[in-house]
Amino acid sequence: MKLISLKEELLSNAYPGRGIVIGKSADGKKAVAAYFIMGRSSNSRNRIFVEDGNGIRTEAFDPSKLEDPSLIIYAPVRVLGNKTIVTNGDQTDTVYELMDKQQTFEQSLRCREFEPDGPNYTPRISGIIHIENGGFNYALSILKSDDGRPESCDRFTFAYNDPINGEGRFIHTYARNENPLPSFEGEPKRVDITGGIDEFADMIWTSLNEDNKVSLFVRFIDIETGKTETRIINKNK
């Protein structure tokens, strides 16, 4: 798979929806995770990320304008020991709770499927970083309808051992900005990861469509010590 520019990939798609990037920093010292949300409706745009313990959660920016919280209010990031879980919905809690009961990442998602928001049937995308003994591995998952047909759920898990410096994988919910929104297709994209946390976060944020972007979370995790650095950027302030 060809290495592509994450910046150019984001600039070329006005509405990738929600996206997860996981990989390794260019200096090889940090595991990298990024999660962004976008919105086309007023309800989707009325959100911010806030810190919640070792993770984050979404909140309504203006609670008086909150319409339906069911698919927009959740904890995108939770930490379970040496594992960092990142998802685009309340399946974060499912993964956390079932992995805490010794199920694997893939097993924990078998009881979930795509979101019930027809006709889009938004995929559930999930990622996990596992840091141990000075190294790390990660996995990404997507649960999506079978080409927009809700009677069938397609399940894919992609696992990455010994990640390459300065590279990662990018998965997002929507292939293109159409109606209805078509689901992501194929393997997670191989993308470059450049600079430190502030440069990386700024690159993602400025590359996302100005009208549709809502919030961004970026975390760098020291592979040796487990120490974390986090950046949160919200359009609503």
Protein backbone atom coordinates (compact mmCIF):
# COMPACT_ATOMS: atom_id res chain seq x y z
CA MET A 1 0.00 0.00 0.00
CA LYS A 2 1.34 3.41 -1.00
CA LEU A 3 2.16 5.91 1.74
CA ILE A 4 -0.03 8.99 1.31
CA SER A 5 -0.06 12.46 2.82
CA LEU A 6 -2.58 12.70 5.64
CA LYS A 7 -2.83 16.42 4.99
CA GLU A 8 -3.68 15.96 1.32
CA GLU A 9 -6.11 13.16 2.13
CA LEU A 10 -8.05 15.41 4.54
CA LEU A 11 -7.97 18.39 2.20
CA SER A 12 -9.43 16.28 -0.61
CA ASN A 13 -12.52 15.13 1.30
CA ALA A 14 -15.02 17.71 2.57
CA TYR A 15 -16.75 15.18 4.77
CA PRO A 16 -14.86 12.07 5.94
CA GLY A 17 -17.17 12.19 8.98
CA ARG A 18 -15.40 10.81 12.03
CA GLY A 19 -11.82 9.60 11.72
CA ILE A 20 -9.17 7.70 13.66
CA VAL A 21 -5.42 7.83 13.01
CA ILE A 22 -3.04 5.53 14.92
CA GLY A 23 0.69 5.07 14.34
CA LYS A 24 4.17 5.98 15.51
CA SER A 25 5.93 9.34 15.68
CA ALA A 26 8.78 10.10 13.27
CA ASP A 27 11.38 9.80 16.05
CA GLY A 28 10.08 6.34 16.98
CA LYS A 29 9.51 7.28 20.62
CA LYS A 30 5.75 7.85 20.75
CA ALA A 31 2.59 5.96 19.94
CA VAL A 32 0.24 8.42 18.24
CA ALA A 33 -3.55 8.54 18.29
CA ALA A 34 -5.88 11.11 16.76
CA TYR A 35 -9.66 11.24 16.62
CA PHE A 36 -11.79 13.91 14.98
CA ILE A 37 -15.50 14.50 14.58
CA MET A 38 -17.35 16.49 11.95
CA GLY A 39 -20.99 17.43 11.51
CA ARG A 40 -23.47 18.57 8.88
CA SER A 41 -26.52 18.96 11.13
CA SER A 42 -26.89 21.54 13.90
CA ASN A 43 -27.16 18.71 16.45
CA SER A 44 -23.87 17.14 15.31
CA ARG A 45 -22.10 20.49 15.28
CA ASN A 46 -23.27 21.38 18.78
CA ARG A 47 -20.47 19.42 20.47
CA ILE A 48 -17.13 19.74 22.19
CA PHE A 49 -14.52 17.33 23.54
CA VAL A 50 -13.75 17.52 27.26
CA GLU A 51 -11.25 15.56 29.32
CA ASP A 52 -12.69 12.77 31.44
CA GLY A 53 -10.13 11.03 33.64
CA ASN A 54 -7.51 9.50 31.34
CA GLY A 55 -9.85 9.80 28.37
CA ILE A 56 -12.34 12.22 26.86
CA ARG A 57 -16.07 12.51 26.30
CA THR A 58 -18.33 14.57 24.09
CA GLU A 59 -20.60 17.27 25.52
CA ALA A 60 -23.24 19.53 24.07
CA PHE A 61 -21.72 22.97 23.64
CA ASP A 62 -25.14 24.56 24.14
CA PRO A 63 -27.30 22.12 26.16
CA SER A 64 -30.46 24.07 25.27
CA LYS A 65 -29.96 23.16 21.59
CA LEU A 66 -29.30 19.45 22.15
CA GLU A 67 -31.82 17.42 20.14
CA ASP A 68 -31.01 13.70 20.15
CA PRO A 69 -28.03 12.69 22.33
CA SER A 70 -28.14 8.98 21.47
CA LEU A 71 -25.44 8.92 18.79
CA ILE A 72 -23.45 12.06 19.56
CA ILE A 73 -22.81 11.97 23.33
CA TYR A 74 -20.31 9.29 24.30
CA ALA A 75 -16.75 8.66 25.52
CA PRO A 76 -14.50 8.41 22.44
CA VAL A 77 -11.36 7.60 24.46
CA ARG A 78 -10.87 5.40 27.53
CA VAL A 79 -7.75 3.84 29.03
CA LEU A 80 -7.66 0.28 30.37
CA GLY A 81 -4.29 -0.39 31.97
CA ASN A 82 -1.72 -0.23 29.16
CA LYS A 83 -4.40 -0.10 26.48
CA THR A 84 -5.88 3.05 24.94
CA ILE A 85 -9.28 2.62 23.29
CA VAL A 86 -10.49 5.11 20.65
CA THR A 87 -13.87 4.82 18.92
CA ASN A 88 -16.58 6.89 17.26
CA GLY A 89 -19.42 5.86 19.58
CA ASP A 90 -20.53 4.23 22.79
CA GLN A 91 -18.81 1.01 21.72
CA THR A 92 -15.83 2.48 23.61
CA ASP A 93 -17.60 1.32 26.76
CA THR A 94 -18.35 -2.09 25.24
CA VAL A 95 -14.68 -2.64 24.36
CA TYR A 96 -13.54 -1.40 27.77
CA GLU A 97 -15.94 -3.57 29.74
CA LEU A 98 -15.48 -6.78 27.74
CA MET A 99 -11.71 -6.50 27.43
CA ASP A 100 -11.66 -6.01 31.19
CA LYS A 101 -13.33 -9.45 31.28
CA GLN A 102 -10.49 -10.91 29.18
CA GLN A 103 -12.16 -10.79 25.78
CA THR A 104 -10.06 -9.68 22.81
CA PHE A 105 -10.61 -6.42 20.95
CA GLU A 106 -12.27 -8.26 18.08
CA GLN A 107 -14.42 -10.42 20.36
CA SER A 108 -15.63 -7.40 22.31
CA LEU A 109 -17.13 -5.86 19.16
CA ARG A 110 -19.08 -8.91 18.03
CA CYS A 111 -22.14 -7.74 19.95
CA ARG A 112 -22.16 -4.38 18.13
CA GLU A 113 -22.85 -3.27 14.57
CA PHE A 114 -23.18 -0.07 12.52
CA GLU A 115 -25.27 2.82 13.81
CA PRO A 116 -29.07 2.70 13.27
CA ASP A 117 -29.16 6.01 11.41
CA GLY A 118 -30.52 4.97 8.01
CA PRO A 119 -30.09 5.68 5.20
CA ASN A 120 -26.44 6.38 6.09
CA TYR A 121 -25.95 3.47 8.51
CA THR A 122 -22.80 5.10 9.82
CA PRO A 123 -19.99 2.58 10.40
CA ARG A 124 -18.66 2.05 13.89
CA ILE A 125 -14.89 2.55 13.73
CA SER A 126 -12.68 1.58 16.65
CA GLY A 127 -8.99 1.45 17.49
CA ILE A 128 -6.81 0.16 20.30
CA ILE A 129 -3.18 0.78 21.25
CA HIS A 130 -1.37 -1.77 23.42
CA ILE A 131 1.95 -0.66 24.93
CA GLU A 132 4.19 -3.23 26.62
CA ASN A 133 7.90 -3.80 27.27
CA GLY A 134 9.08 -0.76 25.35
CA GLY A 135 7.05 -1.56 22.24
CA PHE A 136 3.51 -1.36 21.01
CA ASN A 137 0.99 -2.74 18.58
CA TYR A 138 -2.40 -1.52 17.52
CA ALA A 139 -5.56 -2.59 15.75
CA LEU A 140 -8.42 -0.92 13.91
CA SER A 141 -11.95 -2.18 13.36
CA ILE A 142 -14.89 -1.20 11.20
CA LEU A 143 -18.45 -2.51 11.45
CA LYS A 144 -20.50 -1.40 8.47
CA SER A 145 -23.61 -2.21 6.51
CA ASP A 146 -23.20 -4.35 3.42
CA ASP A 147 -23.17 -1.63 0.75
CA GLY A 148 -25.95 0.27 2.51
CA ARG A 149 -28.09 -2.82 3.12
CA PRO A 150 -28.92 -2.87 6.86
CA GLU A 151 -29.90 -6.55 6.95
CA SER A 152 -26.20 -7.49 6.81
CA CYS A 153 -23.23 -6.27 8.89
CA ASP A 154 -19.68 -6.55 7.53
CA ARG A 155 -16.94 -6.83 10.18
CA PHE A 156 -13.26 -6.12 9.56
CA THR A 157 -10.32 -5.98 11.99
CA PHE A 158 -6.82 -4.86 10.97
CA ALA A 159 -3.87 -5.53 13.30
CA TYR A 160 -0.44 -3.86 13.12
CA ASN A 161 2.65 -5.11 14.96
CA ASP A 162 5.95 -3.23 15.26
CA PRO A 163 4.73 -0.02 13.58
CA ILE A 164 7.13 1.88 11.32
CA ASN A 165 8.48 5.26 12.47
CA GLY A 166 6.59 8.20 11.00
CA GLU A 167 3.71 6.11 9.66
CA GLY A 168 0.19 5.23 10.71
CA ARG A 169 -3.18 4.06 9.48
CA PHE A 170 -6.24 6.24 8.91
CA ILE A 171 -9.83 5.00 8.94
CA HIS A 172 -12.95 7.15 8.71
CA THR A 173 -16.68 6.68 8.49
CA TYR A 174 -17.61 8.07 5.07
CA ALA A 175 -15.92 7.59 1.71
CA ARG A 176 -17.31 10.79 0.18
CA ASN A 177 -19.64 13.71 0.84
CA GLU A 178 -22.80 12.38 -0.82
CA ASN A 179 -26.43 11.62 0.07
CA PRO A 180 -26.81 9.08 1.49
CA LEU A 181 -23.26 9.00 2.84
CA PRO A 182 -21.32 5.99 1.49
CA SER A 183 -19.33 3.98 4.04
CA PHE A 184 -15.52 3.83 4.13
CA GLU A 185 -14.15 1.22 1.73
CA GLY A 186 -11.05 -1.00 1.81
CA GLU A 187 -8.15 -1.16 4.25
CA PRO A 188 -7.22 1.71 6.56
CA LYS A 189 -5.06 4.14 4.60
CA ARG A 190 -1.29 4.23 5.14
CA VAL A 191 -0.46 7.83 6.05
CA ASP A 192 2.51 9.87 7.16
CA ILE A 193 2.90 11.10 10.75
CA THR A 194 5.17 14.12 11.00
CA GLY A 195 6.35 16.56 13.65
CA GLY A 196 5.62 16.82 17.33
CA ILE A 197 2.18 16.79 18.89
CA ASP A 198 1.40 20.46 18.29
CA GLU A 199 2.51 20.42 14.67
CA PHE A 200 0.60 17.19 14.02
CA ALA A 201 -2.58 18.43 15.70
CA ASP A 202 -2.42 21.75 13.85
CA MET A 203 -1.93 19.99 10.52
CA ILE A 204 -5.02 17.82 11.02
CA TRP A 205 -7.18 20.67 12.29
CA THR A 206 -6.29 23.11 9.52
CA SER A 207 -6.75 20.40 6.87
CA LEU A 208 -10.29 19.47 7.93
CA ASN A 209 -13.12 21.23 6.11
CA GLU A 210 -13.80 24.52 7.88
CA ASP A 211 -17.58 24.29 7.70
CA ASN A 212 -17.89 20.69 8.87
CA LYS A 213 -15.13 20.17 11.46
CA VAL A 214 -16.21 20.09 15.11
CA SER A 215 -13.52 18.72 17.45
CA LEU A 216 -10.10 17.04 17.45
CA PHE A 217 -8.24 14.90 20.01
CA VAL A 218 -4.54 14.03 19.64
CA ARG A 219 -2.44 12.00 22.06
CA PHE A 220 1.25 11.08 22.03
CA ILE A 221 2.19 8.22 24.38
CA ASP A 222 5.83 7.63 25.34
CA ILE A 223 6.49 4.00 24.47
CA GLU A 224 9.10 3.57 27.21
CA THR A 225 7.40 5.35 30.11
CA GLY A 226 3.72 5.46 29.18
CA LYS A 227 3.64 9.20 29.82
CA THR A 228 1.03 10.97 27.71
CA GLU A 229 0.64 14.36 26.06
CA THR A 230 -2.83 15.35 24.88
CA ARG A 231 -4.25 18.14 22.76
CA ILE A 232 -7.94 18.94 22.34
CA ILE A 233 -9.20 21.48 19.80
CA ASN A 234 -12.88 22.50 19.68
CA LYS A 235 -14.43 24.74 17.04
CA ASN A 236 -17.08 25.81 19.58
CA LYS A 237 -15.55 28.03 22.25
